[in-house]
N, C-alpha and C. Protein backbone atom coordinates (compact mmCIF):
# COMPACT_ATOMS: atom_id res chain seq x y z
N MET A 1 57.87 -6.83 -13.08
CA MET A 1 58.39 -5.67 -12.53
C MET A 1 58.38 -4.63 -13.43
N ILE A 2 58.05 -3.52 -12.96
CA ILE A 2 58.21 -2.04 -13.87
C ILE A 2 59.49 -1.60 -13.85
N LYS A 3 59.99 -1.38 -15.06
CA LYS A 3 61.42 -0.97 -15.17
C LYS A 3 61.61 0.75 -15.08
N GLN A 4 60.43 1.29 -15.44
CA GLN A 4 60.51 2.93 -15.49
C GLN A 4 59.53 3.35 -14.55
N THR A 5 59.63 4.52 -14.01
CA THR A 5 58.32 5.23 -13.24
C THR A 5 57.84 6.08 -14.21
N ILE A 6 56.53 6.42 -13.76
CA ILE A 6 56.00 7.33 -14.57
C ILE A 6 56.54 8.78 -14.93
N GLY A 7 57.11 9.17 -13.85
CA GLY A 7 57.98 10.42 -13.97
C GLY A 7 59.09 10.38 -15.12
N GLU A 8 59.61 9.26 -15.03
CA GLU A 8 60.77 8.77 -15.97
C GLU A 8 60.17 8.69 -17.45
N LEU A 9 59.07 8.08 -17.53
CA LEU A 9 58.42 8.03 -18.88
C LEU A 9 58.01 9.34 -19.45
N LEU A 10 57.40 10.25 -18.54
CA LEU A 10 56.95 11.56 -18.90
C LEU A 10 58.40 12.37 -19.38
N GLU A 11 59.32 12.18 -18.53
CA GLU A 11 60.47 13.05 -18.73
C GLU A 11 60.84 12.71 -20.23
N GLU A 12 61.03 11.57 -20.77
CA GLU A 12 61.14 11.41 -22.25
C GLU A 12 60.44 11.87 -23.10
N LYS A 13 59.12 12.32 -22.89
CA LYS A 13 58.11 12.64 -23.71
C LYS A 13 57.55 14.07 -23.66
N VAL A 14 57.95 14.75 -22.61
CA VAL A 14 57.64 16.01 -22.51
C VAL A 14 58.48 16.99 -23.33
N VAL A 15 58.02 17.85 -24.32
CA VAL A 15 58.82 18.67 -25.19
C VAL A 15 58.87 20.16 -24.60
N LEU A 16 57.88 20.52 -24.00
CA LEU A 16 57.83 21.86 -23.36
C LEU A 16 56.88 21.96 -21.94
N ASP A 17 57.91 22.42 -21.07
CA ASP A 17 57.38 22.51 -19.69
C ASP A 17 57.42 23.99 -19.09
N ILE A 18 56.28 24.76 -18.95
CA ILE A 18 56.15 26.01 -18.68
C ILE A 18 55.49 26.19 -17.37
N GLU A 19 56.46 26.84 -16.50
CA GLU A 19 55.78 27.21 -15.05
C GLU A 19 55.80 28.79 -15.03
N GLY A 20 54.73 29.04 -14.28
CA GLY A 20 54.44 30.45 -14.34
C GLY A 20 53.93 30.97 -13.05
N ILE A 21 54.02 32.23 -12.72
CA ILE A 21 53.26 32.84 -11.55
C ILE A 21 51.87 33.64 -12.03
N ASP A 22 51.08 33.31 -11.57
CA ASP A 22 49.72 34.05 -11.82
C ASP A 22 49.78 35.54 -11.41
N ARG A 23 50.30 35.74 -10.00
CA ARG A 23 50.14 36.72 -9.37
C ARG A 23 51.13 36.90 -8.38
N MET A 24 51.78 37.93 -7.93
CA MET A 24 52.89 37.98 -6.92
C MET A 24 52.40 39.13 -5.92
N TYR A 25 52.56 39.04 -4.64
CA TYR A 25 52.21 40.15 -3.80
C TYR A 25 53.56 40.29 -3.10
N LEU A 26 54.05 41.54 -3.23
CA LEU A 26 55.05 41.97 -2.59
C LEU A 26 54.86 42.89 -1.39
N ASN A 27 55.22 42.86 -0.30
CA ASN A 27 54.80 43.71 0.99
C ASN A 27 56.21 44.15 1.56
N LEU A 28 56.03 45.50 1.96
CA LEU A 28 57.26 45.99 2.76
C LEU A 28 57.02 45.54 4.26
N TYR A 29 58.11 44.91 4.83
CA TYR A 29 58.05 44.65 6.22
C TYR A 29 59.30 45.31 6.81
N GLN A 30 59.08 46.21 7.89
CA GLN A 30 60.18 46.70 8.65
C GLN A 30 60.10 45.88 9.86
N PRO A 31 60.83 45.03 10.38
CA PRO A 31 60.84 44.29 11.80
C PRO A 31 60.73 45.27 12.97
N MET A 32 61.67 46.50 12.95
CA MET A 32 61.74 47.37 13.83
C MET A 32 60.38 48.19 14.40
N LEU A 33 59.45 48.15 13.12
CA LEU A 33 58.36 48.85 13.20
C LEU A 33 57.12 48.04 13.71
N GLN A 34 57.38 46.80 14.26
CA GLN A 34 56.38 45.98 14.34
C GLN A 34 55.68 45.91 16.19
N THR A 35 56.88 46.83 16.74
CA THR A 35 56.46 47.00 18.21
C THR A 35 56.47 48.38 18.80
N GLY A 36 55.69 48.77 19.84
CA GLY A 36 55.64 50.18 20.12
C GLY A 36 56.99 50.74 20.50
N GLY A 37 57.73 49.89 20.99
CA GLY A 37 59.23 50.42 21.43
C GLY A 37 60.04 50.86 19.94
N GLY A 38 59.85 49.81 18.96
CA GLY A 38 60.39 50.01 17.70
C GLY A 38 60.05 51.41 17.16
N VAL A 39 58.70 51.54 17.01
CA VAL A 39 58.09 52.66 16.39
C VAL A 39 58.48 53.86 17.34
N SER A 40 58.49 54.05 18.55
CA SER A 40 59.15 55.07 19.27
C SER A 40 60.48 55.42 19.04
N THR A 41 61.33 54.25 18.86
CA THR A 41 62.75 54.50 18.81
C THR A 41 62.99 55.25 17.32
N PHE A 42 62.03 54.74 16.36
CA PHE A 42 62.07 55.25 14.97
C PHE A 42 61.80 56.84 15.09
N PHE A 43 60.81 57.17 15.47
CA PHE A 43 60.47 58.58 15.71
C PHE A 43 61.34 59.39 16.58
N ARG A 44 61.98 58.97 17.82
CA ARG A 44 62.81 59.69 18.56
C ARG A 44 64.26 59.66 18.01
N GLU A 45 64.76 58.38 17.82
CA GLU A 45 66.11 58.47 17.63
C GLU A 45 66.70 58.07 16.49
N GLU A 46 65.95 57.10 15.59
CA GLU A 46 66.54 56.64 14.21
C GLU A 46 66.39 57.69 13.21
N HIS A 47 65.06 58.31 13.16
CA HIS A 47 64.81 58.86 11.85
C HIS A 47 64.16 60.44 12.08
N ARG A 48 63.41 60.78 13.04
CA ARG A 48 62.78 62.03 13.20
C ARG A 48 63.09 62.99 14.31
N GLY A 49 63.85 62.51 15.26
CA GLY A 49 64.38 63.34 16.10
C GLY A 49 63.40 63.85 16.94
N ALA A 50 62.14 63.28 17.37
CA ALA A 50 60.96 63.80 17.84
C ALA A 50 61.28 63.76 19.53
N LYS A 51 60.84 64.72 20.43
CA LYS A 51 61.10 64.63 21.65
C LYS A 51 60.06 63.74 22.32
N VAL A 52 58.69 63.58 21.90
CA VAL A 52 57.73 62.63 22.33
C VAL A 52 57.25 61.83 21.29
N THR A 53 56.89 60.60 21.35
CA THR A 53 56.41 59.56 20.44
C THR A 53 54.78 59.93 20.40
N SER A 54 54.39 60.14 19.11
CA SER A 54 52.97 60.01 18.97
C SER A 54 52.59 59.74 17.56
N THR A 55 51.51 59.02 17.17
CA THR A 55 51.14 58.66 15.89
C THR A 55 50.80 59.73 15.08
N ALA A 56 50.50 60.83 15.62
CA ALA A 56 50.41 62.18 15.04
C ALA A 56 51.43 62.45 13.83
N LEU A 57 52.74 61.85 14.34
CA LEU A 57 54.05 61.93 13.59
C LEU A 57 53.80 61.20 12.21
N MET A 58 52.87 60.37 12.20
CA MET A 58 52.83 59.37 11.02
C MET A 58 52.19 60.27 9.88
N SER A 59 51.34 61.09 10.28
CA SER A 59 50.35 61.88 9.49
C SER A 59 51.18 62.45 8.30
N PRO A 60 52.13 63.50 8.51
CA PRO A 60 52.98 64.10 7.38
C PRO A 60 53.52 62.98 6.45
N MET A 61 53.94 61.90 6.96
CA MET A 61 54.70 60.94 6.22
C MET A 61 53.54 60.18 5.05
N THR A 62 52.40 59.96 5.79
CA THR A 62 51.34 59.38 5.12
C THR A 62 51.07 60.30 3.86
N LYS A 63 50.73 61.48 4.20
CA LYS A 63 50.27 62.44 3.22
C LYS A 63 51.12 62.75 2.24
N SER A 64 52.58 62.70 2.45
CA SER A 64 53.58 62.97 1.46
C SER A 64 53.60 61.44 0.58
N PHE A 65 53.38 60.27 1.12
CA PHE A 65 53.41 59.27 0.30
C PHE A 65 52.23 59.04 -0.60
N ILE A 66 50.72 59.46 -0.17
CA ILE A 66 49.77 59.68 -1.09
C ILE A 66 50.19 60.62 -2.02
N HIS A 67 50.46 61.70 -1.68
CA HIS A 67 50.67 62.84 -2.81
C HIS A 67 51.80 62.13 -3.78
N ASP A 68 52.78 61.35 -3.55
CA ASP A 68 53.67 60.80 -4.53
C ASP A 68 52.90 59.80 -5.48
N ILE A 69 52.21 59.01 -4.61
CA ILE A 69 51.33 57.93 -5.63
C ILE A 69 50.61 58.65 -6.56
N TYR A 70 49.87 59.70 -6.38
CA TYR A 70 48.81 60.56 -7.29
C TYR A 70 50.03 61.25 -8.24
N SER A 71 50.95 61.76 -7.81
CA SER A 71 52.05 62.49 -8.82
C SER A 71 52.36 61.44 -9.95
N PHE A 72 52.72 60.31 -9.21
CA PHE A 72 53.20 59.28 -10.15
C PHE A 72 52.20 58.86 -11.01
N ALA A 73 50.81 58.72 -10.74
CA ALA A 73 49.73 58.25 -11.62
C ALA A 73 49.47 59.20 -12.55
N LYS A 74 49.62 60.51 -12.28
CA LYS A 74 49.32 61.79 -13.05
C LYS A 74 50.59 61.59 -14.30
N GLN A 75 51.67 61.56 -13.56
CA GLN A 75 52.88 61.74 -14.79
C GLN A 75 52.78 60.60 -15.56
N GLU A 76 52.41 59.46 -15.29
CA GLU A 76 52.54 58.33 -16.17
C GLU A 76 51.33 57.63 -16.82
N GLY A 77 50.30 58.62 -16.58
CA GLY A 77 48.98 58.25 -17.20
C GLY A 77 48.30 57.09 -16.63
N VAL A 78 48.48 56.83 -15.35
CA VAL A 78 48.01 55.57 -14.76
C VAL A 78 46.67 55.82 -14.02
N ASP A 79 45.56 55.10 -14.17
CA ASP A 79 44.43 55.51 -13.48
C ASP A 79 44.63 54.85 -12.19
N ILE A 80 43.97 55.51 -11.13
CA ILE A 80 43.78 55.16 -9.90
C ILE A 80 42.06 54.77 -9.65
N VAL A 81 42.17 53.43 -9.40
CA VAL A 81 40.71 52.81 -9.44
C VAL A 81 40.38 52.62 -7.92
N SER A 82 39.32 53.35 -7.35
CA SER A 82 38.82 53.14 -6.06
C SER A 82 37.85 51.85 -6.16
N PHE A 83 38.10 50.89 -5.23
CA PHE A 83 37.39 49.73 -5.31
C PHE A 83 36.15 49.81 -4.36
N ASP A 84 35.08 49.44 -4.76
CA ASP A 84 33.75 49.33 -3.80
C ASP A 84 33.77 48.02 -3.06
N LYS A 85 33.18 48.17 -2.17
CA LYS A 85 33.12 46.88 -1.17
C LYS A 85 32.78 45.64 -1.82
N GLY A 86 33.23 44.68 -1.89
CA GLY A 86 32.95 43.43 -2.66
C GLY A 86 33.30 43.41 -4.30
N GLN A 87 33.58 44.47 -4.69
CA GLN A 87 34.03 44.49 -5.98
C GLN A 87 35.20 43.62 -6.43
N SER A 88 35.08 43.04 -7.55
CA SER A 88 36.06 42.00 -8.11
C SER A 88 37.19 42.50 -8.64
N LYS A 89 38.41 42.55 -8.04
CA LYS A 89 39.65 43.11 -8.45
C LYS A 89 40.03 42.42 -9.81
N ASP A 90 39.78 41.03 -9.84
CA ASP A 90 40.20 40.29 -10.78
C ASP A 90 39.47 40.77 -12.19
N GLU A 91 38.03 41.00 -11.91
CA GLU A 91 37.40 41.72 -13.38
C GLU A 91 38.01 43.00 -13.70
N VAL A 92 38.39 43.78 -12.90
CA VAL A 92 38.70 45.12 -13.12
C VAL A 92 40.14 44.84 -13.74
N THR A 93 40.83 43.95 -13.23
CA THR A 93 42.33 43.75 -13.79
C THR A 93 42.24 43.21 -15.29
N GLN A 94 41.38 42.44 -15.46
CA GLN A 94 41.00 41.63 -16.57
C GLN A 94 40.72 42.66 -18.02
N ARG A 95 39.86 43.75 -17.27
CA ARG A 95 39.45 44.74 -18.43
C ARG A 95 40.77 45.75 -18.67
N TYR A 96 41.54 45.90 -17.70
CA TYR A 96 42.77 46.80 -17.96
C TYR A 96 43.72 45.97 -18.89
N LEU A 97 43.80 44.70 -18.40
CA LEU A 97 44.87 43.63 -19.16
C LEU A 97 44.48 43.67 -20.81
N ALA A 98 43.15 43.53 -21.03
CA ALA A 98 42.56 43.60 -22.49
C ALA A 98 42.96 44.87 -23.07
N LYS A 99 43.14 46.02 -22.63
CA LYS A 99 43.42 47.23 -23.24
C LYS A 99 45.11 47.57 -23.30
N PHE A 100 45.76 46.68 -22.62
CA PHE A 100 47.15 46.93 -22.24
C PHE A 100 48.00 46.58 -23.47
N SER A 101 48.90 47.48 -23.97
CA SER A 101 49.40 46.91 -25.30
C SER A 101 51.05 47.07 -24.88
N ALA A 102 51.42 47.49 -23.74
CA ALA A 102 52.94 47.54 -23.51
C ALA A 102 53.49 46.21 -22.98
N GLN A 103 54.83 46.00 -23.14
CA GLN A 103 55.15 44.74 -22.82
C GLN A 103 55.31 44.60 -21.06
N GLU A 104 55.49 45.87 -20.44
CA GLU A 104 55.47 45.63 -18.98
C GLU A 104 54.98 47.18 -18.67
N GLY A 105 54.66 47.41 -17.30
CA GLY A 105 54.33 48.65 -16.79
C GLY A 105 53.10 48.32 -15.78
N VAL A 106 52.82 49.56 -15.26
CA VAL A 106 51.70 49.51 -14.47
C VAL A 106 50.25 49.73 -15.04
N LEU A 107 49.51 48.62 -14.93
CA LEU A 107 48.25 48.57 -15.45
C LEU A 107 47.31 49.77 -14.78
N TYR A 108 47.34 49.70 -13.51
CA TYR A 108 46.43 50.69 -12.73
C TYR A 108 46.76 50.52 -11.15
N ILE A 109 46.45 51.51 -10.42
CA ILE A 109 46.62 51.46 -9.12
C ILE A 109 45.35 51.45 -8.35
N GLY A 110 45.10 50.35 -7.63
CA GLY A 110 43.92 50.22 -7.01
C GLY A 110 43.86 50.84 -5.59
N LYS A 111 42.80 51.39 -5.13
CA LYS A 111 42.49 51.92 -3.63
C LYS A 111 41.36 51.29 -3.19
N ALA A 112 41.67 50.72 -2.03
CA ALA A 112 40.58 50.15 -1.17
C ALA A 112 40.61 50.41 0.34
N GLN A 113 39.31 50.80 0.78
CA GLN A 113 39.27 51.16 2.14
C GLN A 113 39.27 49.70 2.90
N GLU A 114 40.01 49.16 3.96
CA GLU A 114 40.29 48.19 4.50
C GLU A 114 40.51 48.30 6.09
N LYS A 115 40.40 47.36 6.71
CA LYS A 115 40.48 47.44 8.24
C LYS A 115 42.04 47.02 8.39
N PHE A 116 42.76 47.76 9.23
CA PHE A 116 44.23 47.67 9.29
C PHE A 116 44.67 47.55 10.72
N ASN A 117 45.30 46.83 11.06
CA ASN A 117 46.16 46.80 12.51
C ASN A 117 47.23 47.81 12.55
N THR A 118 47.09 48.82 13.24
CA THR A 118 48.29 49.80 13.20
C THR A 118 48.42 50.33 14.62
N PHE A 119 49.18 51.17 14.87
CA PHE A 119 49.65 51.90 16.24
C PHE A 119 48.71 53.18 16.65
N ARG A 120 48.28 53.20 17.68
CA ARG A 120 47.45 54.52 18.05
C ARG A 120 48.21 54.90 19.21
N THR A 121 48.02 56.16 19.43
CA THR A 121 48.46 56.72 20.85
C THR A 121 47.38 57.00 21.85
N SER A 122 47.74 56.49 22.96
CA SER A 122 46.60 56.40 24.08
C SER A 122 47.45 57.24 25.12
N LYS A 123 46.63 57.65 26.19
CA LYS A 123 47.17 58.36 27.37
C LYS A 123 47.31 57.27 28.60
N LYS A 124 48.40 57.20 29.27
CA LYS A 124 48.61 56.47 30.35
C LYS A 124 49.10 57.49 31.51
N PHE A 125 49.15 56.96 32.77
CA PHE A 125 49.53 57.65 33.81
C PHE A 125 50.71 56.87 34.65
N SER A 126 51.77 57.64 35.02
CA SER A 126 52.69 57.21 35.58
C SER A 126 52.19 56.69 37.31
N THR A 127 52.61 55.50 37.48
CA THR A 127 52.24 55.17 38.90
C THR A 127 52.98 55.87 40.12
N ASP A 128 54.18 56.42 39.58
CA ASP A 128 55.20 57.36 40.50
C ASP A 128 54.70 58.76 40.66
N THR A 129 54.28 59.23 39.64
CA THR A 129 53.86 60.75 39.74
C THR A 129 52.60 61.11 39.32
N GLY A 130 51.95 60.16 38.87
CA GLY A 130 50.57 60.49 38.34
C GLY A 130 50.55 61.33 37.21
N GLN A 131 51.58 61.65 36.53
CA GLN A 131 51.53 62.52 35.12
C GLN A 131 51.24 61.48 34.02
N PRO A 132 50.51 62.14 33.19
CA PRO A 132 50.13 61.57 31.88
C PRO A 132 51.41 61.15 31.01
N PHE A 133 51.39 60.31 30.17
CA PHE A 133 52.42 60.30 29.25
C PHE A 133 51.67 59.61 27.86
N PRO A 134 52.40 59.61 26.78
CA PRO A 134 51.75 58.95 25.73
C PRO A 134 52.24 57.53 25.69
N TRP A 135 51.24 56.67 25.01
CA TRP A 135 51.61 55.15 25.19
C TRP A 135 51.13 54.75 23.70
N LEU A 136 52.04 54.18 23.03
CA LEU A 136 51.51 53.67 21.77
C LEU A 136 50.85 52.10 21.82
N ARG A 137 49.94 51.74 21.34
CA ARG A 137 49.14 50.40 21.42
C ARG A 137 48.55 50.38 20.02
N ARG A 138 48.30 49.04 19.84
CA ARG A 138 47.83 48.59 18.56
C ARG A 138 46.47 48.71 18.57
N GLY A 139 45.66 49.14 17.58
CA GLY A 139 44.35 49.26 17.17
C GLY A 139 43.81 49.17 15.85
N MET A 140 42.70 48.63 15.71
CA MET A 140 42.01 48.55 14.16
C MET A 140 41.38 49.76 13.73
N VAL A 141 41.95 49.98 12.62
CA VAL A 141 41.43 51.36 11.87
C VAL A 141 40.89 51.02 10.46
N MET A 142 40.12 51.90 10.01
CA MET A 142 39.73 51.69 8.31
C MET A 142 40.84 52.71 7.79
N CYS A 143 41.35 52.29 6.88
CA CYS A 143 42.42 53.18 6.07
C CYS A 143 42.50 52.58 4.47
N ASN A 144 42.79 53.55 3.73
CA ASN A 144 43.14 53.33 2.56
C ASN A 144 44.26 52.57 2.15
N GLN A 145 44.18 51.48 1.36
CA GLN A 145 45.43 50.75 0.88
C GLN A 145 45.58 50.86 -0.34
N TYR A 146 46.79 50.97 -0.83
CA TYR A 146 47.23 51.28 -2.49
C TYR A 146 47.85 49.84 -2.87
N TYR A 147 47.18 49.40 -3.98
CA TYR A 147 47.64 48.35 -4.64
C TYR A 147 48.23 48.74 -6.10
N PHE A 148 49.31 48.40 -6.41
CA PHE A 148 49.93 48.69 -7.91
C PHE A 148 49.75 47.50 -8.70
N TYR A 149 49.03 47.31 -9.67
CA TYR A 149 48.75 46.29 -10.66
C TYR A 149 49.62 46.53 -11.61
N VAL A 150 50.64 45.47 -11.89
CA VAL A 150 51.76 45.53 -12.87
C VAL A 150 51.88 44.45 -13.75
N VAL A 151 52.52 44.69 -14.99
CA VAL A 151 52.74 43.61 -15.93
C VAL A 151 54.27 43.73 -15.96
N ASP A 152 54.90 42.63 -15.82
CA ASP A 152 56.26 42.41 -15.95
C ASP A 152 56.64 41.29 -16.89
């Protein structure tokens, strides 16, 4: 009969055990903004005080966010790399890692045009009055996604 398991034998012999994460993705998730009603509430009541909900209200926020990304990159001397379709992000990252001498920081910011499921404004008509009103619906769009590649 075996007196020890393989795990027990190895436990006595292992001098160094290293576990690491090759990469980590951090995504922002706002539960309220996953439905048309939540987006409408955000723009009308919670945040912007708009009288009518429209995806046009997102444009100034998007432009400001992109401006802040470019300002950060310029201030910190970080490259913004526009990825071509099919380009290997890992190869780009390896090139930047080879040149990176700091212990931590932003390697570069990647920019890729990708399909994205977002809200769009369409027109619906009231069954009672026949009057048009804006309606938020989901739809696929091509838009730029920004990825911060960092070393920590």
